[in-house]
N, C-alpha and C. Protein backbone atom coordinates (compact mmCIF):
# COMPACT_ATOMS: atom_id res chain seq x y z
N ASN A 1 111.81 123.87 106.52
CA ASN A 1 113.16 123.50 107.46
C ASN A 1 113.84 122.52 106.60
N CYS A 2 115.01 122.68 107.03
CA CYS A 2 115.89 121.76 106.32
C CYS A 2 117.37 121.46 107.17
N GLY A 3 118.19 120.68 106.76
CA GLY A 3 118.92 120.61 107.52
C GLY A 3 118.97 119.76 108.84
N GLY A 4 117.84 118.50 109.05
CA GLY A 4 117.74 117.85 110.19
C GLY A 4 117.12 118.71 111.01
N GLY A 5 115.72 119.34 110.65
CA GLY A 5 114.99 120.46 111.28
C GLY A 5 115.42 121.93 111.59
N ARG A 6 116.75 121.91 111.09
CA ARG A 6 117.22 123.38 111.26
C ARG A 6 116.80 124.16 110.49
N ALA A 7 116.42 125.26 110.48
CA ALA A 7 116.18 126.34 109.55
C ALA A 7 117.02 127.11 109.27
N TRP A 8 117.15 127.26 107.74
CA TRP A 8 118.41 127.87 106.95
C TRP A 8 118.35 129.59 107.00
N PRO A 9 119.48 129.63 107.43
CA PRO A 9 119.30 131.45 107.89
C PRO A 9 119.34 131.65 106.24
N ARG A 10 118.78 133.07 106.14
CA ARG A 10 118.56 133.87 104.89
C ARG A 10 118.85 135.16 104.96
N VAL A 11 119.23 135.66 103.91
CA VAL A 11 119.59 137.10 103.55
C VAL A 11 118.63 137.47 102.75
N LEU A 12 118.05 138.63 102.99
CA LEU A 12 116.65 139.09 102.34
C LEU A 12 116.99 140.73 101.52
N LEU A 13 117.11 140.63 100.08
CA LEU A 13 117.25 141.51 99.39
C LEU A 13 115.72 142.37 98.94
N PHE A 14 115.70 143.16 99.70
CA PHE A 14 114.50 144.33 99.46
C PHE A 14 114.67 145.68 98.47
N GLY A 15 114.14 145.49 97.35
CA GLY A 15 114.01 146.67 96.76
C GLY A 15 113.61 147.04 95.18
N ASP A 16 114.12 147.89 94.45
CA ASP A 16 113.12 147.96 93.15
C ASP A 16 113.63 147.17 91.95
N SER A 17 113.55 148.10 90.57
CA SER A 17 113.87 147.05 89.85
C SER A 17 115.45 146.39 89.92
N ILE A 18 116.07 147.46 90.63
CA ILE A 18 117.53 147.18 90.34
C ILE A 18 118.10 145.77 91.39
N THR A 19 116.98 145.58 92.25
CA THR A 19 116.96 144.54 93.30
C THR A 19 116.43 143.21 92.07
N GLN A 20 115.05 143.32 91.70
CA GLN A 20 114.24 142.72 90.73
C GLN A 20 115.78 141.84 89.89
N ARG A 21 116.48 142.36 89.02
CA ARG A 21 117.05 142.24 88.12
C ARG A 21 118.28 141.42 88.73
N SER A 22 118.20 141.52 90.15
CA SER A 22 120.06 141.37 90.95
C SER A 22 120.31 139.52 90.31
N PHE A 23 119.43 139.15 89.96
CA PHE A 23 119.62 137.16 89.54
C PHE A 23 119.53 137.19 88.25
N GLU A 24 119.67 138.28 87.62
CA GLU A 24 119.84 137.87 86.27
C GLU A 24 121.41 137.44 85.66
N ASN A 25 121.72 137.53 84.48
CA ASN A 25 123.00 136.66 84.31
C ASN A 25 124.15 138.02 84.85
N ALA A 26 124.85 137.06 85.81
CA ALA A 26 126.14 138.11 86.17
C ALA A 26 125.63 139.34 87.06
N GLY A 27 124.29 138.91 87.67
CA GLY A 27 123.80 139.75 88.55
C GLY A 27 124.34 140.08 90.23
N TRP A 28 124.26 140.86 90.80
CA TRP A 28 124.78 141.10 91.85
C TRP A 28 123.96 140.06 92.91
N GLY A 29 122.73 140.23 92.88
CA GLY A 29 122.17 139.15 94.02
C GLY A 29 122.82 137.65 93.62
N ALA A 30 122.72 137.34 92.77
CA ALA A 30 123.32 135.90 92.41
C ALA A 30 124.50 135.73 92.86
N ALA A 31 125.55 136.95 92.55
CA ALA A 31 126.53 136.08 93.28
C ALA A 31 126.54 136.72 94.54
N ILE A 32 125.61 136.94 95.16
CA ILE A 32 125.99 137.09 96.53
C ILE A 32 125.00 135.74 97.09
N ALA A 33 124.34 135.34 96.47
CA ALA A 33 123.78 133.93 96.82
C ALA A 33 124.89 132.82 96.20
N ASN A 34 125.66 133.10 95.58
CA ASN A 34 126.82 131.92 95.32
C ASN A 34 127.32 132.19 96.12
N ARG A 35 128.35 133.45 96.96
CA ARG A 35 129.14 133.32 97.85
C ARG A 35 128.58 132.37 99.37
N LEU A 36 127.19 132.30 99.55
CA LEU A 36 126.62 131.77 100.67
C LEU A 36 126.11 130.88 100.34
N VAL A 37 126.20 129.82 99.33
CA VAL A 37 125.47 128.61 99.18
C VAL A 37 126.08 127.85 99.94
N ARG A 38 124.92 127.17 100.43
CA ARG A 38 124.74 126.02 101.58
C ARG A 38 125.44 126.47 102.76
N LYS A 39 125.23 127.99 103.07
CA LYS A 39 125.03 128.69 104.23
C LYS A 39 124.10 129.03 104.58
N CYS A 40 123.32 129.93 103.29
CA CYS A 40 122.32 130.97 103.54
C CYS A 40 121.50 131.12 102.41
N ASP A 41 120.23 130.82 102.54
CA ASP A 41 119.54 131.33 101.27
C ASP A 41 119.35 132.66 101.27
N VAL A 42 119.38 133.07 99.87
CA VAL A 42 119.51 134.55 99.51
C VAL A 42 118.22 135.11 98.66
N LEU A 43 117.04 135.49 99.28
CA LEU A 43 115.74 136.04 98.72
C LEU A 43 115.79 136.89 97.91
N ASN A 44 115.68 137.04 96.74
CA ASN A 44 114.90 138.32 95.91
C ASN A 44 113.66 138.85 96.04
N ARG A 45 113.26 139.84 96.91
CA ARG A 45 112.32 140.50 96.66
C ARG A 45 112.17 141.76 96.41
N GLY A 46 113.17 141.90 95.06
CA GLY A 46 112.99 143.32 94.37
C GLY A 46 111.73 143.15 93.44
N LEU A 47 111.46 144.29 93.74
CA LEU A 47 109.94 144.91 92.95
C LEU A 47 109.99 146.32 91.95
N SER A 48 109.94 145.56 90.81
CA SER A 48 110.47 146.71 89.95
C SER A 48 109.28 147.90 89.97
N GLY A 49 110.07 148.89 89.85
CA GLY A 49 109.10 150.34 89.79
C GLY A 49 108.34 150.76 91.07
N TYR A 50 108.79 149.84 92.25
CA TYR A 50 108.12 150.40 93.48
C TYR A 50 108.97 151.55 93.89
N ASN A 51 108.07 152.14 94.91
CA ASN A 51 109.11 153.49 95.40
C ASN A 51 108.78 153.04 96.82
N THR A 52 109.23 153.73 97.74
CA THR A 52 109.31 153.43 99.13
C THR A 52 108.07 153.43 99.81
N LYS A 53 106.81 154.22 99.01
CA LYS A 53 105.52 154.10 99.74
C LYS A 53 104.85 152.65 99.61
N TRP A 54 105.20 152.17 98.44
CA TRP A 54 104.42 151.10 97.85
C TRP A 54 105.16 150.13 98.90
N ALA A 55 106.39 149.87 98.87
CA ALA A 55 107.44 148.95 99.70
C ALA A 55 107.09 149.07 100.90
N LEU A 56 106.78 150.21 101.94
CA LEU A 56 106.23 150.18 103.20
C LEU A 56 104.93 149.27 103.67
N THR A 57 104.12 149.12 102.42
CA THR A 57 102.70 148.90 102.37
C THR A 57 102.80 147.27 102.72
N VAL A 58 103.79 146.78 101.23
CA VAL A 58 103.56 145.61 100.98
C VAL A 58 104.93 144.62 101.98
N LEU A 59 105.71 145.43 102.79
CA LEU A 59 106.88 144.93 103.78
C LEU A 59 105.86 143.71 104.40
N PRO A 60 105.17 144.16 105.28
CA PRO A 60 104.20 143.15 106.17
C PRO A 60 103.88 141.71 105.66
N LYS A 61 103.44 141.95 104.15
CA LYS A 61 103.33 140.50 103.84
C LYS A 61 104.48 139.58 102.84
N ILE A 62 105.85 140.56 103.09
CA ILE A 62 106.78 139.83 102.51
C ILE A 62 107.75 139.20 103.67
N ILE A 63 107.66 139.81 105.24
CA ILE A 63 108.00 139.03 106.09
C ILE A 63 107.49 139.32 107.49
N THR A 64 106.08 138.08 107.72
CA THR A 64 104.99 138.48 108.83
C THR A 64 105.44 137.63 109.94
N ARG A 65 106.03 136.96 110.37
CA ARG A 65 105.74 135.83 111.42
C ARG A 65 107.19 135.96 112.07
N PRO A 66 107.24 136.69 113.32
CA PRO A 66 107.99 136.47 114.38
C PRO A 66 108.64 135.51 114.73
N THR A 67 108.32 134.61 114.25
CA THR A 67 109.23 133.25 114.42
C THR A 67 110.19 133.04 113.38
N ASP A 68 109.57 133.49 112.07
CA ASP A 68 111.08 133.24 111.51
C ASP A 68 112.26 134.61 111.45
N GLN A 69 112.09 135.78 112.15
CA GLN A 69 113.29 136.11 112.25
C GLN A 69 114.52 135.82 112.50
N GLY A 70 114.35 134.99 113.36
CA GLY A 70 115.58 134.37 114.04
C GLY A 70 116.56 134.07 112.92
N ILE A 71 115.90 133.64 111.99
CA ILE A 71 116.96 132.79 111.10
C ILE A 71 117.32 133.80 110.04
N ILE A 72 116.97 135.15 109.99
CA ILE A 72 117.27 136.05 109.24
C ILE A 72 118.89 136.94 109.54
N ALA A 73 119.47 136.74 108.41
CA ALA A 73 120.93 137.38 109.11
C ALA A 73 121.13 138.65 108.53
N ALA A 74 120.61 139.01 107.21
CA ALA A 74 120.56 140.23 107.17
C ALA A 74 119.72 140.73 105.85
N VAL A 75 119.11 141.85 106.07
CA VAL A 75 118.19 142.45 105.12
C VAL A 75 118.72 143.86 104.29
N VAL A 76 118.87 143.42 103.12
CA VAL A 76 120.01 144.83 102.24
C VAL A 76 118.00 145.38 101.65
N VAL A 77 118.21 146.90 102.07
CA VAL A 77 117.07 147.67 101.89
C VAL A 77 117.37 148.70 100.47
N PHE A 78 117.04 148.83 99.53
CA PHE A 78 117.89 149.32 98.42
C PHE A 78 117.06 150.09 97.45
N PHE A 79 116.23 151.19 98.00
CA PHE A 79 115.18 151.98 97.47
C PHE A 79 115.62 153.51 97.26
N GLY A 80 115.25 154.20 96.09
CA GLY A 80 115.26 155.80 95.97
C GLY A 80 115.15 155.90 94.51
N ALA A 81 116.23 154.74 93.75
CA ALA A 81 115.94 155.00 92.40
C ALA A 81 114.39 155.82 91.72
N ASN A 82 113.22 154.83 91.95
CA ASN A 82 111.83 155.41 91.68
C ASN A 82 111.62 156.88 92.39
N ASP A 83 111.42 156.76 93.89
CA ASP A 83 111.04 157.59 94.81
C ASP A 83 111.53 159.08 94.25
N SER A 84 112.93 159.19 93.36
CA SER A 84 113.38 160.50 93.25
C SER A 84 112.98 160.93 91.83
N ALA A 85 112.44 160.00 90.96
CA ALA A 85 111.65 160.10 90.16
C ALA A 85 111.13 161.95 89.88
N LEU A 86 111.10 162.78 89.09
CA LEU A 86 110.39 163.86 89.09
C LEU A 86 109.21 164.37 88.92
N LYS A 87 108.71 165.06 90.00
CA LYS A 87 107.16 164.96 90.35
C LYS A 87 106.20 165.46 89.16
N ASP A 88 107.06 166.78 88.46
CA ASP A 88 106.34 166.86 87.16
C ASP A 88 106.00 166.46 85.89
N VAL A 89 106.96 165.47 86.21
CA VAL A 89 107.02 164.35 84.67
C VAL A 89 106.48 163.03 85.01
N ASN A 90 106.85 162.22 86.40
CA ASN A 90 106.40 161.38 86.56
C ASN A 90 105.78 161.25 88.02
N PRO A 91 104.50 161.58 88.25
CA PRO A 91 104.08 161.89 89.80
C PRO A 91 103.67 160.46 90.22
N ALA A 92 103.33 159.35 89.61
CA ALA A 92 103.19 158.09 89.98
C ALA A 92 104.39 157.77 90.81
N GLN A 93 105.38 157.75 90.43
CA GLN A 93 106.48 156.80 91.26
C GLN A 93 107.20 157.99 92.15
N HIS A 94 107.20 159.62 91.87
CA HIS A 94 107.57 159.96 92.90
C HIS A 94 107.16 160.28 94.35
N ILE A 95 108.16 160.48 95.32
CA ILE A 95 108.31 160.59 96.74
C ILE A 95 108.83 161.78 97.43
N PRO A 96 108.12 162.67 97.69
CA PRO A 96 108.91 163.93 98.29
C PRO A 96 110.02 163.54 99.35
N LEU A 97 110.76 163.98 99.30
CA LEU A 97 112.42 163.72 100.10
C LEU A 97 111.66 163.43 101.73
N PRO A 98 111.21 164.75 102.49
CA PRO A 98 110.58 163.93 103.59
C PRO A 98 110.09 163.13 103.63
N GLU A 99 109.03 162.37 102.76
CA GLU A 99 108.41 161.19 102.74
C GLU A 99 109.20 160.36 102.83
N TYR A 100 110.04 160.26 101.50
CA TYR A 100 111.01 159.01 101.73
C TYR A 100 111.87 158.99 102.90
N ALA A 101 112.06 160.07 103.46
CA ALA A 101 113.42 160.00 104.91
C ALA A 101 112.37 159.05 105.60
N GLU A 102 110.66 159.44 106.24
CA GLU A 102 110.07 158.89 106.95
C GLU A 102 109.59 157.33 106.51
N ASN A 103 109.78 157.00 105.33
CA ASN A 103 109.33 155.92 104.88
C ASN A 103 110.24 154.78 105.25
N LEU A 104 111.46 155.36 104.90
CA LEU A 104 112.51 154.31 105.09
C LEU A 104 113.01 154.03 107.02
N LYS A 105 112.63 155.51 107.68
CA LYS A 105 112.82 154.88 108.82
C LYS A 105 111.60 153.95 109.55
N HIS A 106 110.24 153.97 108.45
CA HIS A 106 109.24 153.12 108.87
C HIS A 106 109.63 151.84 108.38
N ILE A 107 110.36 151.53 107.89
CA ILE A 107 110.72 150.47 107.41
C ILE A 107 111.68 149.79 108.15
N ILE A 108 112.65 150.62 108.59
CA ILE A 108 113.21 149.79 109.59
C ILE A 108 112.84 149.76 110.83
N GLN A 109 112.03 150.66 111.33
CA GLN A 109 110.99 150.22 112.81
C GLN A 109 110.24 148.99 112.58
N TYR A 110 109.60 148.60 111.34
CA TYR A 110 109.03 147.72 111.06
C TYR A 110 109.49 146.45 111.48
N LEU A 111 110.81 146.25 110.45
CA LEU A 111 111.88 145.72 110.96
C LEU A 111 112.40 144.88 112.36
N LYS A 112 112.36 146.06 112.92
CA LYS A 112 112.60 145.87 114.53
C LYS A 112 111.49 145.52 115.18
N SER A 113 110.37 145.73 114.90
CA SER A 113 109.18 145.40 115.62
C SER A 113 108.80 144.26 115.46
N ILE A 114 109.40 143.25 114.54
CA ILE A 114 109.00 141.71 114.43
C ILE A 114 110.45 141.26 114.97
N GLY A 115 111.50 141.73 115.11
CA GLY A 115 112.69 141.24 115.71
C GLY A 115 113.95 141.19 115.23
N ILE A 116 114.20 141.95 114.32
CA ILE A 116 115.26 142.09 113.03
C ILE A 116 116.04 143.46 113.73
N CYS A 117 116.83 143.34 114.30
CA CYS A 117 117.61 144.61 114.86
C CYS A 117 118.43 145.44 113.38
N GLU A 118 118.72 146.71 114.24
CA GLU A 118 119.15 147.42 113.01
C GLU A 118 120.61 147.00 112.70
N GLU A 119 121.17 146.59 113.95
CA GLU A 119 122.48 145.76 113.03
C GLU A 119 122.53 144.70 112.04
N LYS A 120 121.40 144.06 111.43
CA LYS A 120 121.31 143.20 110.60
C LYS A 120 120.61 144.01 109.23
N VAL A 121 120.58 145.09 109.07
CA VAL A 121 119.96 146.13 107.97
C VAL A 121 120.88 146.80 107.32
N ILE A 122 121.03 146.61 106.17
CA ILE A 122 122.45 147.58 105.13
C ILE A 122 121.28 148.15 104.15
N MET A 123 121.40 149.61 104.20
CA MET A 123 120.71 150.67 103.46
C MET A 123 121.63 150.68 102.36
N VAL A 124 121.07 150.81 101.11
CA VAL A 124 121.85 150.97 99.71
C VAL A 124 121.71 152.29 98.80
N THR A 125 122.04 153.07 98.73
CA THR A 125 121.48 154.06 98.04
C THR A 125 121.24 154.38 96.62
N PRO A 126 120.60 154.90 96.36
CA PRO A 126 120.32 154.69 94.23
C PRO A 126 121.80 155.28 93.98
N PRO A 127 121.99 154.26 92.52
CA PRO A 127 123.42 154.82 92.01
C PRO A 127 123.15 156.18 91.64
N PRO A 128 123.88 156.42 90.89
CA PRO A 128 123.99 157.92 89.74
C PRO A 128 123.29 157.59 88.55
N LEU A 129 122.72 158.75 88.30
CA LEU A 129 122.22 158.76 86.94
C LEU A 129 122.52 159.27 85.90
N ASP A 130 122.73 158.53 84.70
CA ASP A 130 123.47 158.95 83.85
C ASP A 130 122.42 159.42 82.49
N VAL A 131 122.35 160.87 82.79
CA VAL A 131 121.04 161.39 82.00
C VAL A 131 120.51 161.74 80.90
N SER A 132 121.99 161.52 80.03
CA SER A 132 122.28 161.71 78.84
C SER A 132 121.36 160.15 78.16
N ALA A 133 122.14 159.11 78.67
CA ALA A 133 121.61 157.39 78.30
C ALA A 133 120.26 157.46 78.69
N TRP A 134 119.81 157.96 80.05
CA TRP A 134 118.14 157.84 80.64
C TRP A 134 117.35 158.61 79.63
N GLU A 135 117.77 159.58 79.04
CA GLU A 135 117.19 160.33 78.58
C GLU A 135 116.68 159.45 77.17
N LYS A 136 117.43 159.13 76.74
CA LYS A 136 117.51 158.44 75.57
C LYS A 136 116.38 156.98 75.78
N THR A 137 116.75 156.54 76.95
CA THR A 137 115.86 155.62 77.11
C THR A 137 114.18 155.73 77.22
N CYS A 138 114.03 156.86 78.04
CA CYS A 138 113.03 157.64 77.86
C CYS A 138 112.17 157.85 76.56
N ILE A 139 112.88 158.44 75.75
CA ILE A 139 112.66 159.05 74.38
C ILE A 139 112.24 157.58 73.69
N ALA A 140 113.02 156.80 73.57
CA ALA A 140 112.55 155.39 73.04
C ALA A 140 111.10 154.92 73.14
N LYS A 141 110.88 155.02 74.81
CA LYS A 141 109.57 154.58 75.00
C LYS A 141 108.68 155.57 75.06
N GLY A 142 108.56 156.50 74.28
CA GLY A 142 107.48 157.90 74.00
C GLY A 142 107.65 158.84 75.45
N ASN A 143 108.09 158.52 76.15
CA ASN A 143 108.35 159.40 77.67
C ASN A 143 109.41 160.25 77.25
N LYS A 144 109.32 160.96 78.20
CA LYS A 144 110.32 162.51 78.46
C LYS A 144 111.06 162.27 79.49
N LEU A 145 112.32 162.72 79.57
CA LEU A 145 113.00 162.51 80.63
C LEU A 145 112.87 162.84 82.46
N ASP A 146 112.84 162.01 82.95
CA ASP A 146 111.72 161.78 84.09
C ASP A 146 112.40 161.72 85.30
N ARG A 147 114.51 162.17 85.36
CA ARG A 147 115.22 161.66 86.44
C ARG A 147 116.07 162.49 86.49
N CYS A 148 116.95 163.16 87.25
CA CYS A 148 118.22 163.94 87.07
C CYS A 148 118.79 163.76 88.42
N ASN A 149 120.25 163.42 87.69
CA ASN A 149 121.47 163.28 88.85
C ASN A 149 121.64 163.90 89.83
N SER A 150 121.12 165.34 89.64
CA SER A 150 121.36 166.04 90.95
C SER A 150 120.27 166.12 91.86
N VAL A 151 119.14 165.49 91.51
CA VAL A 151 118.07 164.82 92.40
C VAL A 151 118.17 163.96 92.87
N THR A 152 119.36 162.69 92.44
CA THR A 152 119.44 161.63 93.04
C THR A 152 120.30 161.82 93.94
N LYS A 153 120.61 162.69 93.84
CA LYS A 153 121.88 163.13 95.11
C LYS A 153 121.27 163.46 96.37
N GLU A 154 120.45 164.00 96.21
CA GLU A 154 119.35 164.67 97.18
C GLU A 154 118.89 163.35 98.21
N TYR A 155 118.50 162.40 97.13
CA TYR A 155 117.76 161.48 97.79
C TYR A 155 118.74 160.19 98.44
N THR A 156 120.13 160.74 97.94
CA THR A 156 121.06 159.57 98.58
C THR A 156 121.80 160.38 99.95
N GLN A 157 121.50 162.04 100.27
CA GLN A 157 121.97 162.15 101.15
C GLN A 157 120.89 161.81 102.39
N VAL A 158 119.88 161.82 101.72
CA VAL A 158 118.69 161.37 102.87
C VAL A 158 118.70 159.97 103.29
N CYS A 159 119.12 159.20 102.70
CA CYS A 159 119.24 157.78 102.48
C CYS A 159 120.13 157.54 103.88
N VAL A 160 121.43 158.05 103.33
CA VAL A 160 122.49 158.06 104.27
C VAL A 160 122.33 158.85 105.66
N ARG A 161 121.49 160.05 105.60
CA ARG A 161 121.46 160.32 106.89
C ARG A 161 120.28 159.48 107.86
N VAL A 162 119.31 159.06 107.25
CA VAL A 162 118.49 157.94 107.82
C VAL A 162 118.94 156.67 108.48
N ALA A 163 120.39 155.98 107.66
CA ALA A 163 121.17 155.23 108.26
C ALA A 163 121.96 155.28 109.34
N THR A 164 122.37 156.81 109.02
CA THR A 164 123.17 157.34 110.39
C THR A 164 121.99 157.45 111.68
N GLU A 165 120.96 158.19 111.60
CA GLU A 165 120.05 158.28 112.62
C GLU A 165 119.73 157.07 113.21
N CYS A 166 119.44 155.85 112.54
CA CYS A 166 118.61 154.76 112.80
C CYS A 166 119.84 153.68 113.24
N GLY A 167 121.28 153.81 112.94
CA GLY A 167 122.11 153.02 113.43
C GLY A 167 122.46 151.91 112.45
N THR A 168 121.67 151.98 111.35
CA THR A 168 121.94 150.76 110.30
C THR A 168 123.59 150.90 109.74
N ASP A 169 123.57 150.11 108.94
CA ASP A 169 125.18 150.43 107.49
C ASP A 169 124.47 150.75 106.62
N VAL A 170 125.16 151.74 105.68
CA VAL A 170 124.46 152.05 104.34
C VAL A 170 125.88 152.19 103.56
N LEU A 171 125.52 151.46 102.20
CA LEU A 171 126.28 151.55 101.11
C LEU A 171 125.92 152.76 100.13
N ASP A 172 126.97 153.77 100.16
CA ASP A 172 126.77 154.80 99.70
C ASP A 172 127.18 154.79 98.00
N LEU A 173 126.57 154.08 97.18
CA LEU A 173 126.72 153.74 95.67
C LEU A 173 126.52 154.99 94.93
N TRP A 174 126.20 155.76 95.09
CA TRP A 174 125.88 157.10 94.48
C TRP A 174 127.40 157.75 93.89
N THR A 175 127.83 157.86 95.46
CA THR A 175 129.11 158.60 95.67
C THR A 175 130.32 157.16 95.39
N LEU A 176 130.08 156.56 95.76
CA LEU A 176 131.28 155.62 95.44
C LEU A 176 131.42 155.30 93.81
N MET A 177 130.56 155.56 93.30
CA MET A 177 130.65 155.32 91.67
C MET A 177 130.90 156.30 90.75
N GLN A 178 130.83 157.70 91.88
CA GLN A 178 131.78 158.44 90.97
C GLN A 178 132.80 159.50 91.65
N SER A 179 133.38 158.48 92.55
CA SER A 179 134.65 158.85 93.19
C SER A 179 135.98 158.93 92.33
N GLU A 180 136.77 159.44 92.41
CA GLU A 180 138.20 159.62 91.59
C GLU A 180 137.79 159.88 90.28
N ASN A 181 136.49 160.51 89.76
CA ASN A 181 136.64 161.06 88.40
C ASN A 181 136.17 160.10 87.75
N GLN A 182 135.72 158.54 88.23
CA GLN A 182 135.52 157.56 87.22
C GLN A 182 134.38 158.03 86.52
N ASN A 183 134.31 156.97 85.16
CA ASN A 183 133.22 157.16 84.13
C ASN A 183 132.20 156.15 84.86
N PHE A 184 131.23 156.48 85.31
CA PHE A 184 130.16 155.66 86.19
C PHE A 184 129.10 155.55 85.22
N SER A 185 129.40 156.00 84.12
CA SER A 185 128.21 155.55 82.78
C SER A 185 128.12 154.05 82.28
N THR A 186 129.67 153.68 82.57
CA THR A 186 130.17 152.30 82.24
C THR A 186 129.40 151.28 83.15
N TYR A 187 128.86 151.68 84.60
CA TYR A 187 128.36 150.88 85.49
C TYR A 187 126.85 150.64 85.24
N LEU A 188 126.32 151.49 84.26
CA LEU A 188 125.05 151.45 84.40
C LEU A 188 124.39 150.83 82.43
N LEU A 189 123.36 150.12 82.65
CA LEU A 189 122.83 149.69 81.39
C LEU A 189 122.24 150.55 80.35
N ASP A 190 121.21 151.31 80.80
CA ASP A 190 120.60 152.42 80.27
C ASP A 190 120.62 153.81 80.78
N GLY A 191 121.32 153.80 81.76
CA GLY A 191 121.37 155.17 82.55
C GLY A 191 120.57 155.04 83.83
N LEU A 192 119.88 154.01 84.22
CA LEU A 192 119.56 154.31 85.39
C LEU A 192 120.06 152.81 86.39
N HIS A 193 119.76 151.71 85.24
CA HIS A 193 119.79 150.08 86.01
C HIS A 193 121.38 149.52 85.59
N LEU A 194 121.58 148.92 86.25
CA LEU A 194 123.33 148.50 86.60
C LEU A 194 123.25 147.21 85.14
N SER A 195 124.53 147.82 84.90
CA SER A 195 125.01 147.08 83.72
C SER A 195 125.93 145.98 84.89
N GLU A 196 126.43 144.53 83.77
CA GLU A 196 127.38 143.51 84.52
C GLU A 196 128.21 144.18 85.05
N LYS A 197 129.13 145.23 84.29
CA LYS A 197 130.28 145.78 85.35
C LYS A 197 129.66 146.68 86.80
N GLY A 198 128.59 147.03 86.57
CA GLY A 198 127.97 147.68 87.73
C GLY A 198 127.56 146.83 88.64
N SER A 199 126.73 145.54 88.13
CA SER A 199 126.85 144.40 89.40
C SER A 199 128.02 144.17 89.76
N ILE A 200 128.91 144.01 89.38
CA ILE A 200 130.27 143.66 90.08
C ILE A 200 130.51 144.58 91.00
N PHE A 201 130.41 145.91 90.55
CA PHE A 201 130.76 147.01 91.69
C PHE A 201 129.98 146.66 92.75
N LEU A 202 128.57 146.66 92.67
CA LEU A 202 128.00 146.76 93.78
C LEU A 202 128.16 145.38 94.64
N GLU A 203 128.38 144.55 94.15
CA GLU A 203 128.65 142.80 95.00
C GLU A 203 129.78 143.45 95.88
N THR A 204 130.65 143.91 94.84
CA THR A 204 132.25 143.43 95.60
C THR A 204 132.27 144.58 96.76
N HIS A 205 131.29 146.13 96.98
CA HIS A 205 131.09 146.82 97.71
C HIS A 205 130.73 146.23 99.18
N LEU A 206 129.37 145.53 98.63
CA LEU A 206 128.42 145.14 99.67
C LEU A 206 128.43 144.21 99.96
N TRP A 207 129.27 142.83 99.82
CA TRP A 207 129.85 141.61 100.10
C TRP A 207 130.59 141.85 101.82
N PRO A 208 131.49 142.83 101.80
CA PRO A 208 131.89 142.77 103.20
C PRO A 208 131.05 143.27 104.42
N LEU A 209 130.02 143.99 104.08
CA LEU A 209 128.75 144.03 104.66
C LEU A 209 128.17 143.30 105.09
N LEU A 210 128.08 142.56 104.51
CA LEU A 210 126.74 141.10 104.62
C LEU A 210 127.80 140.20 105.08
N GLU A 211 129.26 140.14 105.09
CA GLU A 211 130.27 139.03 105.70
C GLU A 211 130.54 138.94 106.85
N LYS A 212 130.17 140.34 107.51
CA LYS A 212 130.09 140.65 108.60
C LYS A 212 128.66 139.91 109.75
N ARG A 213 127.98 139.94 108.82
CA ARG A 213 126.90 139.26 109.20
C ARG A 213 126.50 137.91 109.18
N THR A 214 126.93 137.15 108.14
CA THR A 214 127.28 135.83 107.76
C THR A 214 128.58 135.00 107.83
N GLY A 215 129.75 135.46 108.31
CA GLY A 215 130.75 134.97 108.32
C GLY A 215 131.16 133.51 108.95
N ASN A 216 130.33 133.44 110.22
CA ASN A 216 130.34 132.72 111.14
C ASN A 216 129.44 131.63 111.09
N LEU A 217 128.73 131.68 109.86
CA LEU A 217 127.38 130.54 109.20
C LEU A 217 128.16 129.61 109.65
N PRO A 218 128.08 128.32 109.41
CA PRO A 218 128.65 127.08 109.39
C PRO A 218 128.21 126.58 107.95
N MET A 219 128.79 126.23 107.05
CA MET A 219 128.58 125.18 106.09
C MET A 219 127.31 124.02 106.48
N ILE A 220 126.03 124.16 105.73
CA ILE A 220 124.86 123.19 106.12
C ILE A 220 125.12 121.78 105.57
N PHE A 221 125.12 120.92 106.36
CA PHE A 221 125.40 119.21 106.16
C PHE A 221 127.06 119.17 105.94
N PRO A 222 127.56 118.47 106.24
CA PRO A 222 129.19 118.01 106.12
C PRO A 222 129.30 117.92 104.51
N HIS A 223 130.71 118.55 104.31
CA HIS A 223 131.17 118.20 103.14
C HIS A 223 131.76 117.12 103.09
N TRP A 224 131.41 116.62 101.65
CA TRP A 224 131.87 114.86 101.06
C TRP A 224 132.79 114.25 101.74
N SER A 225 133.99 114.75 101.94
CA SER A 225 135.22 114.25 102.36
C SER A 225 134.84 113.92 103.68
N ASP A 226 133.75 114.80 104.54
CA ASP A 226 133.72 114.30 105.99
C ASP A 226 132.90 113.21 106.30
N ILE A 227 132.31 112.78 105.23
CA ILE A 227 131.18 111.69 105.43
C ILE A 227 131.74 110.49 105.55
N ASP A 228 131.63 109.62 106.66
CA ASP A 228 131.68 107.92 106.86
C ASP A 228 130.92 106.81 105.51
N HIS A 229 131.54 106.96 104.72
CA HIS A 229 130.91 106.04 103.45
C HIS A 229 130.36 104.62 104.23
N LEU A 230 131.12 104.20 105.44
CA LEU A 230 130.68 102.85 106.08
C LEU A 230 129.34 103.07 107.26
N ASN A 231 129.30 104.35 107.47
CA ASN A 231 128.07 105.00 107.95
C ASN A 231 127.68 106.46 107.89
N SER A 232 127.17 106.60 106.67
CA SER A 232 127.03 107.44 106.02
C SER A 232 125.54 108.35 106.65
N GLN A 233 124.79 107.96 107.37
CA GLN A 233 123.73 108.46 108.03
C GLN A 233 124.03 108.82 109.10
N ALA A 234 124.71 108.37 110.08
CA ALA A 234 125.46 109.15 111.16
C ALA A 234 126.22 110.11 110.90
N SER A 235 126.99 110.35 109.75
CA SER A 235 127.74 111.63 109.33
C SER A 235 127.13 112.54 109.07
N LEU A 236 125.52 111.94 108.28
CA LEU A 236 124.81 113.14 107.76
C LEU A 236 124.10 113.71 108.65
N LEU A 237 123.47 113.03 109.79
CA LEU A 237 122.06 113.50 110.73
C LEU A 237 123.09 113.72 111.72
N ARG A 238 123.78 113.97 112.06
CA ARG A 238 124.58 114.79 113.43
C ARG A 238 123.87 115.56 113.75
C-alpha cells in the first residue's frame, strides 16, 4: 500500500509475447504506463509463447485475492497470436477455434468471479500476420511457416464475438491495421510481433478505452507546487 495507506489502482496487461515485449523501448505498455504515471500502476503480465489454455491455467496465480480487486481499474486480455498457429505445423501452441472461444469466456468469467466486472475488461484481437516476413523468420530458425493470416482472421472474429457476448470492450487490431488498404507490414517487426510503429498504433487505439476507465483517477500525492513548504507534512499527508 502507498499514498498514506491507500492502495494504488492497477491496470493489468495480460497476454502473450506481444504483451511481454510491450515495455521494451517505445513499447505500447510503457507508453500506457507513462500516461498513467502517479495515477495507476501498469502491470505487465505478458507470457511469451502462451496460448489461452496455458493463460487460463496460470491466471489464478496472477490475480488471486478478492481483496485486491477493488483497485483493479482495467484488465487488457490480448491472446490469439499463438492459439492461431497451424495445428499440423505447430501443435504445441495451436488451440482449436471452439476451445479458444471457451478459454476467452472462462478468462472473463474468472475475472468476474473475483470481482472484476466485464466493464473493466478490454479484449484485444491478434494483429494481422505478414506471411512473407514471418515465413522468413521461421526459416531462419529452421522451422516451417506455422501461421496464416486468413486463419488469424478466424480467431479475430471469434475474439470479437466473445467480447460482444460477454459485454466487454474489444479492440479489433487485425481489422484496424488493414483498413483503408494500409501497408500493415510496417506495423510488424518480423511478421508477427509489433514494430515501433505498430506499438504506437496499438497504444493510440487502446488509450481511449483505458482512459474511460482511468480518467477520473486523481494524481497520487499533491503536485509539488501545491505543497506548503512551511508545513509540508500537512500537505503531503492530508
